Each structure stands twice: as structure tokens, then as C-alpha cells.
Amino acid sequence: MLTRIIIKYFDLIDKVLPVGGIVRRFPYAMVFKTTNWCWYKCAHCCENAGPDQPHEYIPSDIIKYYIQQGINDPTFSQEVVFTGGEIMSAYKFGDENYVRNLLDFCGQNNIGTDIKTNAGWVKTSFAPRIYDDLADIISNNAPYQFQISLSLDRFHPNSLENCAQFIKQLSRRPNMHTAVHLSSFGDDAHMYPELLKTLMQLGVRINSGFVQKGNKVTEVDIAGKQLVLKPSADAVLFSSGRAKNLPNAAQNSYPQFKFLTRDARVLMAFDSFGRVTLGENADKKISAQWRASNGTPRPLNHIQYDLIKNAQWHEIRARIFDHFSPFAKQK
């Protein structure tokens, strides 16, 4: 009886404030912004990452703690994204097992994994160790379980050269059944054809798919390696962090719960400062704390409850804003 009353209560609340049901029921992927440290201090960075940030990382045991809880949750999409800042900076600061530890854990638990990097480390002394670790992990797990996402845009210094060097080195490793996603903004779509030409100049043999129509190029395979390059030029420039100073950054008047209704999944993003947000790059945040006052990680279901309440509160505020805004009255 009590269970039915609770279900009816939530159904009623969801009719009034639909965002709560979206957050509660939609499949979610976990995003871990492992650190805010980065080699670069790009003008478009919505996270304010850079070399002046703390050398702090979400401990790998805490990341595994949340993934393990997600595995037992039917709404977890079994997908994880590792990003930053720059996650590969862990090699610079002495924890050369950090990335390997996380990727091995995901492989052992059959978690689909996307690891994002700007490849600013390709000329460092520890770059060969990164290539070897990635190649070993990828070749010993299920095909295409891992995706590597690279930034290919005008904001990151030496972006084209860094991406070309990374792909060249990875293509030399055997059994590379993985996808390399080249993420660009619309104005940078021309960089992908330039990247393919650079790769061929570096002696990387393109097996198929070098088909260009305007600035659009299909996916391509690196010969014999099963290394698939996937271009996209639909990255959104969010007006948070340093990016808010750029004139073409997307402006948001209130938290981005509205985009949740258009996505096939909710992004639940953990950062190194102890916060969890809905939407990896959201401007005004729907957030909660993953770190309790005593420093320990809070249970995942407690975090989810706080996110639902926060999302509902922001929907109420947004409706009030829409109702009383002078722009709404002009419609």
C-alpha cells in the first residue's frame, strides 16, 4: 500500500515537474573530470583548466566505487567518460598507473569507455609509456570497447600536429580495434581533411574512406590495424569558464535541464572539486556533492536524490523566469 502511494506521489510530481522523472528514469553515463590541471590554458575552456590548477585527481578507488555502484543500477548505461583538465597529466605527476588502473577496471567489467585528451603530452618523455599502455589495454579487451577522443580545433595549440602524432604512434601498435574520435567545432571542420593529408605525409597508410564532399569526410580505417577515425564538427561552445568571454559561446539563461529531454542519456559528471553535475559542460549547474563533509564519498543513490530535487527546483525557477520575463511577454 505504502509503495503504491509513493509511486502515485512521484507520478504526480513528474506530471507537474517532468525533469524529475527524466533524471530518475533516463539511462545515465558517468563522466569523470579526473583533474582540472592541463598543459594548456585555452580561451574556450568551459572548465577553467590550466597549468595553474591544483595537481589533484579524483582518487581511482573513488571512481571505481561509483562505477561499481552504477553496475548494479539498471538505469546506468554501462558507459563511462574520462576527461579533465588533462587526464594524461597523471603520468607527469608520478602516478603512471592511474589511467591504466581505471581503464583496466572498465575493461574487466565490460564498461564502454571514452577517454578524452588534447594530446598536449605527445612530445614529453613519458609519451611512449602512454602509447604502450593504451595499446596494451585496447588489444586485450573486447573490440571497440574503448574510444579515444581527441580535440581537433583552432583553440588548442598545435592541435593538428598533436593529433597526427598521436594517431601515427598508435597506428604502429598491433590489434588496435578502437575508434579515435576527432572532435571539432563547426568552423574547424576543414581541419579533419588536413589531418588525413598530414597522416599520409607522415607515412600512415589510409585504407579506405578518404571521401571528401566540401568539408565533410567519412570515417576512415588505418590499413590493417582496425583503427577507425571518426570525425565530428558539432561540439558546442558553452558559455562557462573562460569560454564565457568568447562572443560565439552559447548563452544559457538558466540550467540546462532542457537539453536533457533531447538526449538519449543523462550525463552525470563528477569533478575533482567534489561536485557532481548534470551535463558535462553545463553553464549554470544542476549539481550536488559527491564528497561528504568528512571527505568520504557519498552513496550514489543519495547523490541521485539530490540531483532530482535540484533539477525540479531549477525547473520551477525557469518557469517563473519564462512567465515574468519581458521577452516572454513579447511573444
C-alpha atoms as a PDB file:
ATOM      1  CA  MET A   1       0.000   0.000   0.000  1.00  0.00           C
ATOM      2  CA  LEU A   2       2.745   2.433   1.018  1.00  0.00           C
ATOM      3  CA  THR A   3       4.710   1.597  -2.131  1.00  0.00           C
ATOM      4  CA  ARG A   4       1.703   2.409  -4.314  1.00  0.00           C
ATOM      5  CA  ILE A   5       1.212   5.743  -2.556  1.00  0.00           C
ATOM      6  CA  ILE A   6       4.877   6.625  -3.110  1.00  0.00           C
ATOM      7  CA  ILE A   7       4.644   5.677  -6.806  1.00  0.00           C
ATOM      8  CA  LYS A   8       1.496   7.797  -7.246  1.00  0.00           C
ATOM      9  CA  TYR A   9       3.198  10.693  -5.471  1.00  0.00           C
ATOM     10  CA  PHE A  10       6.196  10.573  -7.818  1.00  0.00           C
ATOM     11  CA  ASP A  11       3.918  10.199 -10.856  1.00  0.00           C
ATOM     12  CA  LEU A  12       2.035  13.320  -9.813  1.00  0.00           C
ATOM     13  CA  ILE A  13       5.220  15.303  -9.205  1.00  0.00           C
ATOM     14  CA  ASP A  14       6.595  14.145 -12.578  1.00  0.00           C
ATOM     15  CA  LYS A  15       3.495  15.452 -14.342  1.00  0.00           C
ATOM     16  CA  VAL A  16       3.979  18.849 -12.747  1.00  0.00           C
ATOM     17  CA  LEU A  17       7.783  18.886 -12.986  1.00  0.00           C
ATOM     18  CA  PRO A  18       8.780  16.425 -15.768  1.00  0.00           C
ATOM     19  CA  VAL A  19      12.522  16.968 -15.347  1.00  0.00           C
ATOM     20  CA  GLY A  20      12.481  14.916 -12.138  1.00  0.00           C
ATOM     21  CA  GLY A  21      11.229  11.863 -13.999  1.00  0.00           C
ATOM     22  CA  ILE A  22      13.818  12.404 -16.728  1.00  0.00           C
ATOM     23  CA  VAL A  23      16.663  12.442 -14.234  1.00  0.00           C
ATOM     24  CA  ARG A  24      15.188   9.461 -12.361  1.00  0.00           C
ATOM     25  CA  ARG A  25      14.400   7.235 -15.345  1.00  0.00           C
ATOM     26  CA  PHE A  26      16.739   8.099 -18.216  1.00  0.00           C
ATOM     27  CA  PRO A  27      19.843   5.973 -18.720  1.00  0.00           C
ATOM     28  CA  TYR A  28      22.854   7.878 -17.461  1.00  0.00           C
ATOM     29  CA  ALA A  29      26.529   7.738 -18.339  1.00  0.00           C
ATOM     30  CA  MET A  30      29.183   8.647 -15.789  1.00  0.00           C
ATOM     31  CA  VAL A  31      31.680  11.351 -16.681  1.00  0.00           C
ATOM     32  CA  PHE A  32      34.767  11.745 -14.510  1.00  0.00           C
ATOM     33  CA  LYS A  33      36.594  15.062 -14.828  1.00  0.00           C
ATOM     34  CA  THR A  34      39.559  13.469 -13.133  1.00  0.00           C
ATOM     35  CA  THR A  35      41.583  16.678 -12.692  1.00  0.00           C
ATOM     36  CA  ASN A  36      41.440  20.363 -13.553  1.00  0.00           C
ATOM     37  CA  TRP A  37      45.166  20.500 -14.367  1.00  0.00           C
ATOM     38  CA  CYS A  38      46.133  20.826 -18.039  1.00  0.00           C
ATOM     39  CA  TRP A  39      49.177  21.770 -20.140  1.00  0.00           C
ATOM     40  CA  TYR A  40      47.078  24.375 -21.943  1.00  0.00           C
ATOM     41  CA  LYS A  41      45.032  27.343 -20.795  1.00  0.00           C
ATOM     42  CA  CYS A  42      42.730  27.608 -23.798  1.00  0.00           C
ATOM     43  CA  ALA A  43      40.415  30.590 -24.222  1.00  0.00           C
ATOM     44  CA  HIS A  44      37.453  28.320 -24.928  1.00  0.00           C
ATOM     45  CA  CYS A  45      37.810  26.105 -21.841  1.00  0.00           C
ATOM     46  CA  CYS A  46      34.493  25.837 -20.039  1.00  0.00           C
ATOM     47  CA  GLU A  47      36.235  24.247 -17.032  1.00  0.00           C
ATOM     48  CA  ASN A  48      38.909  26.924 -16.442  1.00  0.00           C
ATOM     49  CA  ALA A  49      41.506  24.154 -16.641  1.00  0.00           C
ATOM     50  CA  GLY A  50      45.177  25.008 -16.984  1.00  0.00           C
ATOM     51  CA  PRO A  51      48.734  24.694 -15.611  1.00  0.00           C
ATOM     52  CA  ASP A  52      47.852  26.956 -12.683  1.00  0.00           C
ATOM     53  CA  GLN A  53      45.298  24.460 -11.313  1.00  0.00           C
ATOM     54  CA  PRO A  54      45.974  22.060  -8.392  1.00  0.00           C
ATOM     55  CA  HIS A  55      47.782  18.779  -9.029  1.00  0.00           C
ATOM     56  CA  GLU A  56      44.747  16.941  -7.685  1.00  0.00           C
ATOM     57  CA  TYR A  57      42.853  13.972  -9.105  1.00  0.00           C
ATOM     58  CA  ILE A  58      39.716  12.117  -8.150  1.00  0.00           C
ATOM     59  CA  PRO A  59      41.256   9.045  -6.472  1.00  0.00           C
ATOM     60  CA  SER A  60      40.953   5.979  -8.670  1.00  0.00           C
ATOM     61  CA  ASP A  61      39.380   3.990  -5.821  1.00  0.00           C
ATOM     62  CA  ILE A  62      36.552   6.541  -5.565  1.00  0.00           C
ATOM     63  CA  ILE A  63      35.960   6.401  -9.331  1.00  0.00           C
ATOM     64  CA  LYS A  64      35.801   2.608  -9.187  1.00  0.00           C
ATOM     65  CA  TYR A  65      33.471   2.849  -6.163  1.00  0.00           C
ATOM     66  CA  TYR A  66      30.934   4.849  -8.191  1.00  0.00           C
ATOM     67  CA  ILE A  67      31.254   2.723 -11.311  1.00  0.00           C
ATOM     68  CA  GLN A  68      30.701  -0.407  -9.209  1.00  0.00           C
ATOM     69  CA  GLN A  69      27.536   1.107  -7.727  1.00  0.00           C
ATOM     70  CA  GLY A  70      26.398   2.040 -11.230  1.00  0.00           C
ATOM     71  CA  ILE A  71      26.863  -1.523 -12.471  1.00  0.00           C
ATOM     72  CA  ASN A  72      24.154  -2.588 -10.022  1.00  0.00           C
ATOM     73  CA  ASP A  73      21.791   0.205 -11.148  1.00  0.00           C
ATOM     74  CA  PRO A  74      19.516  -0.707 -14.105  1.00  0.00           C
ATOM     75  CA  THR A  75      19.486   2.906 -15.342  1.00  0.00           C
ATOM     76  CA  PHE A  76      23.287   3.069 -15.678  1.00  0.00           C
ATOM     77  CA  SER A  77      24.134   2.955 -19.394  1.00  0.00           C
ATOM     78  CA  GLN A  78      27.325   0.942 -18.759  1.00  0.00           C
ATOM     79  CA  GLU A  79      29.262   3.836 -20.313  1.00  0.00           C
ATOM     80  CA  VAL A  80      32.000   5.940 -18.730  1.00  0.00           C
ATOM     81  CA  VAL A  81      33.844   9.024 -19.976  1.00  0.00           C
ATOM     82  CA  PHE A  82      37.244  10.030 -18.565  1.00  0.00           C
ATOM     83  CA  THR A  83      38.273  13.613 -19.164  1.00  0.00           C
ATOM     84  CA  GLY A  84      39.749  16.632 -17.352  1.00  0.00           C
ATOM     85  CA  GLY A  85      41.564  19.016 -17.480  1.00  0.00           C
ATOM     86  CA  GLU A  86      44.006  16.560 -18.965  1.00  0.00           C
ATOM     87  CA  ILE A  87      43.820  13.054 -17.529  1.00  0.00           C
ATOM     88  CA  MET A  88      47.197  12.069 -19.011  1.00  0.00           C
ATOM     89  CA  SER A  89      48.900  14.604 -16.732  1.00  0.00           C
ATOM     90  CA  ALA A  90      48.841  11.863 -14.075  1.00  0.00           C
ATOM     91  CA  TYR A  91      51.920  10.465 -15.859  1.00  0.00           C
ATOM     92  CA  LYS A  92      53.666  13.817 -15.367  1.00  0.00           C
ATOM     93  CA  PHE A  93      52.994  13.943 -11.646  1.00  0.00           C
ATOM     94  CA  GLY A  94      54.219  10.465 -10.802  1.00  0.00           C
ATOM     95  CA  ASP A  95      51.087   8.297 -10.899  1.00  0.00           C
ATOM     96  CA  GLU A  96      51.831   6.335 -14.062  1.00  0.00           C
ATOM     97  CA  ASN A  97      49.336   3.639 -13.084  1.00  0.00           C
ATOM     98  CA  TYR A  98      46.355   5.998 -12.680  1.00  0.00           C
ATOM     99  CA  VAL A  99      44.998   5.789 -16.240  1.00  0.00           C
ATOM    100  CA  ARG A 100      45.935   2.152 -16.647  1.00  0.00           C
ATOM    101  CA  ASN A 101      44.224   1.256 -13.376  1.00  0.00           C
ATOM    102  CA  LEU A 102      40.951   2.922 -14.425  1.00  0.00           C
ATOM    103  CA  LEU A 103      40.891   1.506 -17.958  1.00  0.00           C
ATOM    104  CA  ASP A 104      41.739  -1.996 -16.752  1.00  0.00           C
ATOM    105  CA  PHE A 105      38.844  -1.817 -14.280  1.00  0.00           C
ATOM    106  CA  CYS A 106      36.423  -0.750 -17.022  1.00  0.00           C
ATOM    107  CA  GLY A 107      37.687  -3.499 -19.310  1.00  0.00           C
ATOM    108  CA  GLN A 108      37.256  -6.160 -16.644  1.00  0.00           C
ATOM    109  CA  ASN A 109      33.663  -5.014 -16.079  1.00  0.00           C
ATOM    110  CA  ASN A 110      32.744  -4.658 -19.782  1.00  0.00           C
ATOM    111  CA  ILE A 111      32.134  -0.921 -19.449  1.00  0.00           C
ATOM    112  CA  GLY A 112      32.149   1.068 -22.689  1.00  0.00           C
ATOM    113  CA  THR A 113      34.808   3.739 -22.195  1.00  0.00           C
ATOM    114  CA  ASP A 114      35.655   7.049 -23.861  1.00  0.00           C
ATOM    115  CA  ILE A 115      38.908   8.680 -22.766  1.00  0.00           C
ATOM    116  CA  LYS A 116      39.313  12.319 -23.811  1.00  0.00           C
ATOM    117  CA  THR A 117      42.648  14.048 -24.319  1.00  0.00           C
ATOM    118  CA  ASN A 118      44.025  17.064 -26.171  1.00  0.00           C
ATOM    119  CA  ALA A 119      47.306  15.168 -26.792  1.00  0.00           C
ATOM    120  CA  GLY A 120      49.360  18.082 -25.473  1.00  0.00           C
ATOM    121  CA  TRP A 121      51.746  15.483 -23.993  1.00  0.00           C
ATOM    122  CA  VAL A 122      52.894  13.877 -27.292  1.00  0.00           C
ATOM    123  CA  LYS A 123      56.428  15.347 -27.095  1.00  0.00           C
ATOM    124  CA  THR A 124      57.026  14.512 -23.435  1.00  0.00           C
ATOM    125  CA  SER A 125      59.455  11.867 -22.217  1.00  0.00           C
ATOM    126  CA  PHE A 126      56.614   9.683 -20.922  1.00  0.00           C
ATOM    127  CA  ALA A 127      54.587   9.707 -24.178  1.00  0.00           C
ATOM    128  CA  PRO A 128      55.878   6.211 -25.200  1.00  0.00           C
ATOM    129  CA  ARG A 129      54.545   4.812 -21.914  1.00  0.00           C
ATOM    130  CA  ILE A 130      51.099   6.278 -22.664  1.00  0.00           C
ATOM    131  CA  TYR A 131      51.061   4.739 -26.160  1.00  0.00           C
ATOM    132  CA  ASP A 132      52.166   1.365 -24.795  1.00  0.00           C
ATOM    133  CA  ASP A 133      49.566   1.382 -22.018  1.00  0.00           C
ATOM    134  CA  LEU A 134      46.714   2.344 -24.349  1.00  0.00           C
ATOM    135  CA  ALA A 135      47.759  -0.215 -26.959  1.00  0.00           C
ATOM    136  CA  ASP A 136      48.055  -2.996 -24.395  1.00  0.00           C
ATOM    137  CA  ILE A 137      44.690  -2.247 -22.786  1.00  0.00           C
ATOM    138  CA  ILE A 138      42.868  -1.930 -26.100  1.00  0.00           C
ATOM    139  CA  SER A 139      44.342  -5.057 -27.681  1.00  0.00           C
ATOM    140  CA  ASN A 140      43.477  -7.215 -24.660  1.00  0.00           C
ATOM    141  CA  ASN A 141      39.815  -6.230 -24.361  1.00  0.00           C
ATOM    142  CA  ALA A 142      36.643  -6.546 -26.404  1.00  0.00           C
ATOM    143  CA  PRO A 143      36.852  -4.887 -29.854  1.00  0.00           C
ATOM    144  CA  TYR A 144      35.776  -1.235 -29.827  1.00  0.00           C
ATOM    145  CA  GLN A 145      35.091  -1.271 -26.090  1.00  0.00           C
ATOM    146  CA  PHE A 146      37.319   1.799 -25.846  1.00  0.00           C
ATOM    147  CA  GLN A 147      37.094   5.071 -27.737  1.00  0.00           C
ATOM    148  CA  ILE A 148      39.760   7.773 -27.624  1.00  0.00           C
ATOM    149  CA  SER A 149      38.544  11.323 -28.227  1.00  0.00           C
ATOM    150  CA  LEU A 150      40.995  13.981 -29.423  1.00  0.00           C
ATOM    151  CA  SER A 151      40.463  17.733 -29.659  1.00  0.00           C
ATOM    152  CA  LEU A 152      40.945  18.985 -33.214  1.00  0.00           C
ATOM    153  CA  ASP A 153      40.225  22.710 -33.226  1.00  0.00           C
ATOM    154  CA  ARG A 154      41.721  26.179 -33.527  1.00  0.00           C
ATOM    155  CA  PHE A 155      41.744  26.781 -29.765  1.00  0.00           C
ATOM    156  CA  HIS A 156      44.199  24.074 -28.685  1.00  0.00           C
ATOM    157  CA  PRO A 157      47.833  24.916 -29.535  1.00  0.00           C
ATOM    158  CA  ASN A 158      49.357  22.615 -32.181  1.00  0.00           C
ATOM    159  CA  SER A 159      46.097  20.677 -32.310  1.00  0.00           C
ATOM    160  CA  LEU A 160      46.536  19.217 -35.794  1.00  0.00           C
ATOM    161  CA  GLU A 161      50.179  18.254 -35.203  1.00  0.00           C
ATOM    162  CA  ASN A 162      49.384  16.681 -31.822  1.00  0.00           C
ATOM    163  CA  CYS A 163      46.523  14.618 -33.234  1.00  0.00           C
ATOM    164  CA  ALA A 164      48.616  13.468 -36.197  1.00  0.00           C
ATOM    165  CA  GLN A 165      51.496  12.409 -33.955  1.00  0.00           C
ATOM    166  CA  PHE A 166      49.173  10.525 -31.599  1.00  0.00           C
ATOM    167  CA  ILE A 167      47.447   8.639 -34.426  1.00  0.00           C
ATOM    168  CA  LYS A 168      50.744   7.850 -36.124  1.00  0.00           C
ATOM    169  CA  GLN A 169      52.217   6.342 -32.963  1.00  0.00           C
ATOM    170  CA  LEU A 170      49.060   4.413 -32.099  1.00  0.00           C
ATOM    171  CA  SER A 171      48.803   3.036 -35.641  1.00  0.00           C
ATOM    172  CA  ARG A 172      52.177   1.327 -35.184  1.00  0.00           C
ATOM    173  CA  ARG A 173      50.805  -0.879 -32.425  1.00  0.00           C
ATOM    174  CA  PRO A 174      49.136  -4.192 -33.369  1.00  0.00           C
ATOM    175  CA  ASN A 175      45.496  -5.184 -32.775  1.00  0.00           C
ATOM    176  CA  MET A 176      44.232  -1.638 -32.469  1.00  0.00           C
ATOM    177  CA  HIS A 177      40.499  -2.375 -32.563  1.00  0.00           C
ATOM    178  CA  THR A 178      39.419   1.032 -31.324  1.00  0.00           C
ATOM    179  CA  ALA A 179      37.823   4.256 -32.535  1.00  0.00           C
ATOM    180  CA  VAL A 180      39.566   7.619 -32.442  1.00  0.00           C
ATOM    181  CA  HIS A 181      37.013  10.414 -32.328  1.00  0.00           C
ATOM    182  CA  LEU A 182      38.197  13.780 -33.683  1.00  0.00           C
ATOM    183  CA  SER A 183      36.032  16.429 -32.032  1.00  0.00           C
ATOM    184  CA  SER A 184      35.828  19.846 -33.716  1.00  0.00           C
ATOM    185  CA  PHE A 185      33.645  22.935 -33.740  1.00  0.00           C
ATOM    186  CA  GLY A 186      31.760  23.782 -36.931  1.00  0.00           C
ATOM    187  CA  ASP A 187      34.296  26.405 -38.019  1.00  0.00           C
ATOM    188  CA  ASP A 188      37.086  23.838 -37.647  1.00  0.00           C
ATOM    189  CA  ALA A 189      35.578  21.108 -39.871  1.00  0.00           C
ATOM    190  CA  HIS A 190      38.271  21.763 -42.502  1.00  0.00           C
ATOM    191  CA  MET A 191      40.947  20.510 -40.090  1.00  0.00           C
ATOM    192  CA  TYR A 192      39.924  16.871 -40.498  1.00  0.00           C
ATOM    193  CA  PRO A 193      40.787  16.633 -44.215  1.00  0.00           C
ATOM    194  CA  GLU A 194      44.028  18.456 -43.369  1.00  0.00           C
ATOM    195  CA  LEU A 195      44.723  15.860 -40.688  1.00  0.00           C
ATOM    196  CA  LEU A 196      44.262  12.987 -43.152  1.00  0.00           C
ATOM    197  CA  LYS A 197      46.671  14.611 -45.596  1.00  0.00           C
ATOM    198  CA  THR A 198      49.198  15.137 -42.807  1.00  0.00           C
ATOM    199  CA  LEU A 199      48.897  11.485 -41.758  1.00  0.00           C
ATOM    200  CA  MET A 200      49.597  10.338 -45.317  1.00  0.00           C
ATOM    201  CA  GLN A 201      52.612  12.647 -45.459  1.00  0.00           C
ATOM    202  CA  LEU A 202      53.837  11.005 -42.249  1.00  0.00           C
ATOM    203  CA  GLY A 203      53.579   7.590 -43.890  1.00  0.00           C
ATOM    204  CA  VAL A 204      50.367   6.450 -42.209  1.00  0.00           C
ATOM    205  CA  ARG A 205      48.517   4.385 -44.807  1.00  0.00           C
ATOM    206  CA  ILE A 206      44.816   5.186 -45.050  1.00  0.00           C
ATOM    207  CA  ASN A 207      42.962   2.037 -46.045  1.00  0.00           C
ATOM    208  CA  SER A 208      39.560   3.374 -47.038  1.00  0.00           C
ATOM    209  CA  GLY A 209      37.071   6.165 -46.806  1.00  0.00           C
ATOM    210  CA  PHE A 210      39.086   9.213 -47.872  1.00  0.00           C
ATOM    211  CA  VAL A 211      35.986  10.677 -49.453  1.00  0.00           C
ATOM    212  CA  GLN A 212      35.527  14.406 -49.255  1.00  0.00           C
ATOM    213  CA  LYS A 213      32.392  16.419 -50.010  1.00  0.00           C
ATOM    214  CA  GLY A 214      33.019  20.003 -49.096  1.00  0.00           C
ATOM    215  CA  ASN A 215      34.404  19.856 -45.564  1.00  0.00           C
ATOM    216  CA  LYS A 216      32.756  16.509 -44.742  1.00  0.00           C
ATOM    217  CA  VAL A 217      34.877  13.370 -44.711  1.00  0.00           C
ATOM    218  CA  THR A 218      33.664   9.878 -43.899  1.00  0.00           C
ATOM    219  CA  GLU A 219      35.160   7.601 -41.274  1.00  0.00           C
ATOM    220  CA  VAL A 220      38.472   6.076 -42.338  1.00  0.00           C
ATOM    221  CA  ASP A 221      40.390   2.934 -41.409  1.00  0.00           C
ATOM    222  CA  ILE A 222      44.123   2.815 -40.848  1.00  0.00           C
ATOM    223  CA  ALA A 223      45.279  -0.105 -43.003  1.00  0.00           C
ATOM    224  CA  GLY A 224      45.393  -3.456 -41.257  1.00  0.00           C
ATOM    225  CA  LYS A 225      45.046  -2.019 -37.771  1.00  0.00           C
ATOM    226  CA  GLN A 226      41.284  -1.690 -37.292  1.00  0.00           C
ATOM    227  CA  LEU A 227      41.927   1.854 -36.090  1.00  0.00           C
ATOM    228  CA  VAL A 228      38.835   3.805 -37.098  1.00  0.00           C
ATOM    229  CA  LEU A 229      38.894   7.606 -37.260  1.00  0.00           C
ATOM    230  CA  LYS A 230      35.519   9.252 -36.579  1.00  0.00           C
ATOM    231  CA  PRO A 231      35.194  12.978 -37.307  1.00  0.00           C
ATOM    232  CA  SER A 232      32.545  15.261 -35.870  1.00  0.00           C
ATOM    233  CA  ALA A 233      32.243  19.031 -36.039  1.00  0.00           C
ATOM    234  CA  ASP A 234      29.231  19.559 -33.792  1.00  0.00           C
ATOM    235  CA  ALA A 235      30.941  20.391 -30.493  1.00  0.00           C
ATOM    236  CA  VAL A 236      29.120  23.123 -28.572  1.00  0.00           C
ATOM    237  CA  LEU A 237      30.982  26.109 -27.176  1.00  0.00           C
ATOM    238  CA  PHE A 238      29.369  26.590 -23.758  1.00  0.00           C
ATOM    239  CA  SER A 239      29.467  29.982 -22.082  1.00  0.00           C
ATOM    240  CA  SER A 240      31.013  28.844 -18.820  1.00  0.00           C
ATOM    241  CA  GLY A 241      34.577  29.067 -17.557  1.00  0.00           C
ATOM    242  CA  ARG A 242      36.841  31.182 -19.770  1.00  0.00           C
ATOM    243  CA  ALA A 243      34.602  30.478 -22.771  1.00  0.00           C
ATOM    244  CA  LYS A 244      32.042  32.975 -21.440  1.00  0.00           C
ATOM    245  CA  ASN A 245      34.331  35.737 -22.778  1.00  0.00           C
ATOM    246  CA  LEU A 246      34.003  34.493 -26.362  1.00  0.00           C
ATOM    247  CA  PRO A 247      31.295  36.188 -28.469  1.00  0.00           C
ATOM    248  CA  ASN A 248      30.096  32.962 -30.118  1.00  0.00           C
ATOM    249  CA  ALA A 249      29.706  30.949 -26.892  1.00  0.00           C
ATOM    250  CA  ALA A 250      26.215  29.533 -26.355  1.00  0.00           C
ATOM    251  CA  GLN A 251      24.349  31.584 -23.763  1.00  0.00           C
ATOM    252  CA  ASN A 252      22.114  29.896 -21.198  1.00  0.00           C
ATOM    253  CA  SER A 253      19.717  31.866 -19.028  1.00  0.00           C
ATOM    254  CA  TYR A 254      19.095  29.003 -16.613  1.00  0.00           C
ATOM    255  CA  PRO A 255      20.398  25.448 -16.031  1.00  0.00           C
ATOM    256  CA  GLN A 256      20.498  23.116 -18.969  1.00  0.00           C
ATOM    257  CA  PHE A 257      17.844  20.674 -17.895  1.00  0.00           C
ATOM    258  CA  LYS A 258      16.026  21.333 -21.186  1.00  0.00           C
ATOM    259  CA  PHE A 259      18.731  19.620 -23.233  1.00  0.00           C
ATOM    260  CA  LEU A 260      18.253  16.500 -21.107  1.00  0.00           C
ATOM    261  CA  THR A 261      14.899  15.925 -22.801  1.00  0.00           C
ATOM    262  CA  ARG A 262      16.616  15.763 -26.187  1.00  0.00           C
ATOM    263  CA  ASP A 263      19.471  13.425 -25.239  1.00  0.00           C
ATOM    264  CA  ALA A 264      19.276   9.652 -25.187  1.00  0.00           C
ATOM    265  CA  ARG A 265      21.040   9.680 -21.832  1.00  0.00           C
ATOM    266  CA  VAL A 266      21.863  11.922 -18.927  1.00  0.00           C
ATOM    267  CA  LEU A 267      25.494  12.810 -18.295  1.00  0.00           C
ATOM    268  CA  MET A 268      26.360  12.608 -14.604  1.00  0.00           C
ATOM    269  CA  ALA A 269      29.711  14.380 -14.293  1.00  0.00           C
ATOM    270  CA  PHE A 270      31.972  14.068 -11.250  1.00  0.00           C
ATOM    271  CA  ASP A 271      34.792  16.612 -10.845  1.00  0.00           C
ATOM    272  CA  SER A 272      37.940  16.795  -8.731  1.00  0.00           C
ATOM    273  CA  PHE A 273      36.448  19.527  -6.519  1.00  0.00           C
ATOM    274  CA  GLY A 274      33.838  17.162  -5.066  1.00  0.00           C
ATOM    275  CA  ARG A 275      30.840  18.129  -7.221  1.00  0.00           C
ATOM    276  CA  VAL A 276      28.513  16.163  -9.465  1.00  0.00           C
ATOM    277  CA  THR A 277      26.675  17.967 -12.266  1.00  0.00           C
ATOM    278  CA  LEU A 278      24.083  17.014 -14.843  1.00  0.00           C
ATOM    279  CA  GLY A 279      25.636  17.717 -18.227  1.00  0.00           C
ATOM    280  CA  GLU A 280      29.376  17.580 -18.739  1.00  0.00           C
ATOM    281  CA  ASN A 281      29.786  21.235 -19.748  1.00  0.00           C
ATOM    282  CA  ALA A 282      26.629  22.764 -18.336  1.00  0.00           C
ATOM    283  CA  ASP A 283      26.717  26.521 -17.787  1.00  0.00           C
ATOM    284  CA  LYS A 284      24.508  27.154 -14.764  1.00  0.00           C
ATOM    285  CA  LYS A 285      24.816  23.905 -12.901  1.00  0.00           C
ATOM    286  CA  ILE A 286      22.327  21.362 -11.653  1.00  0.00           C
ATOM    287  CA  SER A 287      24.665  19.884  -9.076  1.00  0.00           C
ATOM    288  CA  ALA A 288      25.226  18.019  -5.828  1.00  0.00           C
ATOM    289  CA  GLN A 289      28.237  16.996  -3.754  1.00  0.00           C
ATOM    290  CA  TRP A 290      29.832  13.561  -4.131  1.00  0.00           C
ATOM    291  CA  ARG A 291      32.183  14.256  -1.218  1.00  0.00           C
ATOM    292  CA  ALA A 292      30.625  14.294   2.271  1.00  0.00           C
ATOM    293  CA  SER A 293      31.689  16.827   4.923  1.00  0.00           C
ATOM    294  CA  ASN A 294      34.137  14.297   6.375  1.00  0.00           C
ATOM    295  CA  GLY A 295      35.745  13.757   2.946  1.00  0.00           C
ATOM    296  CA  THR A 296      34.263  10.325   2.229  1.00  0.00           C
ATOM    297  CA  PRO A 297      32.290   9.589  -0.966  1.00  0.00           C
ATOM    298  CA  ARG A 298      28.523   9.756  -0.598  1.00  0.00           C
ATOM    299  CA  PRO A 299      26.418   6.805  -1.825  1.00  0.00           C
ATOM    300  CA  LEU A 300      25.315   7.115  -5.440  1.00  0.00           C
ATOM    301  CA  ASN A 301      21.579   6.928  -4.622  1.00  0.00           C
ATOM    302  CA  HIS A 302      21.921   9.891  -2.221  1.00  0.00           C
ATOM    303  CA  ILE A 303      23.582  11.920  -4.974  1.00  0.00           C
ATOM    304  CA  GLN A 304      20.836  10.973  -7.435  1.00  0.00           C
ATOM    305  CA  TYR A 305      18.140  12.087  -4.988  1.00  0.00           C
ATOM    306  CA  ASP A 306      19.824  15.483  -4.552  1.00  0.00           C
ATOM    307  CA  LEU A 307      20.166  15.918  -8.328  1.00  0.00           C
ATOM    308  CA  ILE A 308      16.467  15.192  -8.846  1.00  0.00           C
ATOM    309  CA  LYS A 309      15.471  17.765  -6.200  1.00  0.00           C
ATOM    310  CA  ASN A 310      17.890  20.320  -7.628  1.00  0.00           C
ATOM    311  CA  ALA A 311      16.608  19.784 -11.174  1.00  0.00           C
ATOM    312  CA  GLN A 312      12.996  20.205 -10.043  1.00  0.00           C
ATOM    313  CA  TRP A 313      13.826  23.406  -8.175  1.00  0.00           C
ATOM    314  CA  HIS A 314      15.556  24.830 -11.237  1.00  0.00           C
ATOM    315  CA  GLU A 315      12.579  23.931 -13.417  1.00  0.00           C
ATOM    316  CA  ILE A 316      10.339  25.916 -11.079  1.00  0.00           C
ATOM    317  CA  ARG A 317      12.727  28.883 -11.281  1.00  0.00           C
ATOM    318  CA  ALA A 318      12.900  28.604 -15.081  1.00  0.00           C
ATOM    319  CA  ARG A 319       9.109  28.623 -15.390  1.00  0.00           C
ATOM    320  CA  ILE A 320       8.903  31.713 -13.209  1.00  0.00           C
ATOM    321  CA  PHE A 321      11.598  33.351 -15.334  1.00  0.00           C
ATOM    322  CA  ASP A 322       9.740  32.474 -18.551  1.00  0.00           C
ATOM    323  CA  HIS A 323       6.464  33.799 -17.164  1.00  0.00           C
ATOM    324  CA  PHE A 324       7.748  37.135 -15.895  1.00  0.00           C
ATOM    325  CA  SER A 325      10.478  37.770 -18.462  1.00  0.00           C
ATOM    326  CA  PRO A 326       9.782  40.804 -20.702  1.00  0.00           C
ATOM    327  CA  PHE A 327      10.866  38.664 -23.638  1.00  0.00           C
ATOM    328  CA  ALA A 328       8.156  36.106 -22.836  1.00  0.00           C
ATOM    329  CA  LYS A 329       5.518  38.852 -22.835  1.00  0.00           C
ATOM    330  CA  GLN A 330       6.545  39.983 -26.318  1.00  0.00           C
ATOM    331  CA  LYS A 331       5.810  36.563 -27.804  1.00  0.00           C
END
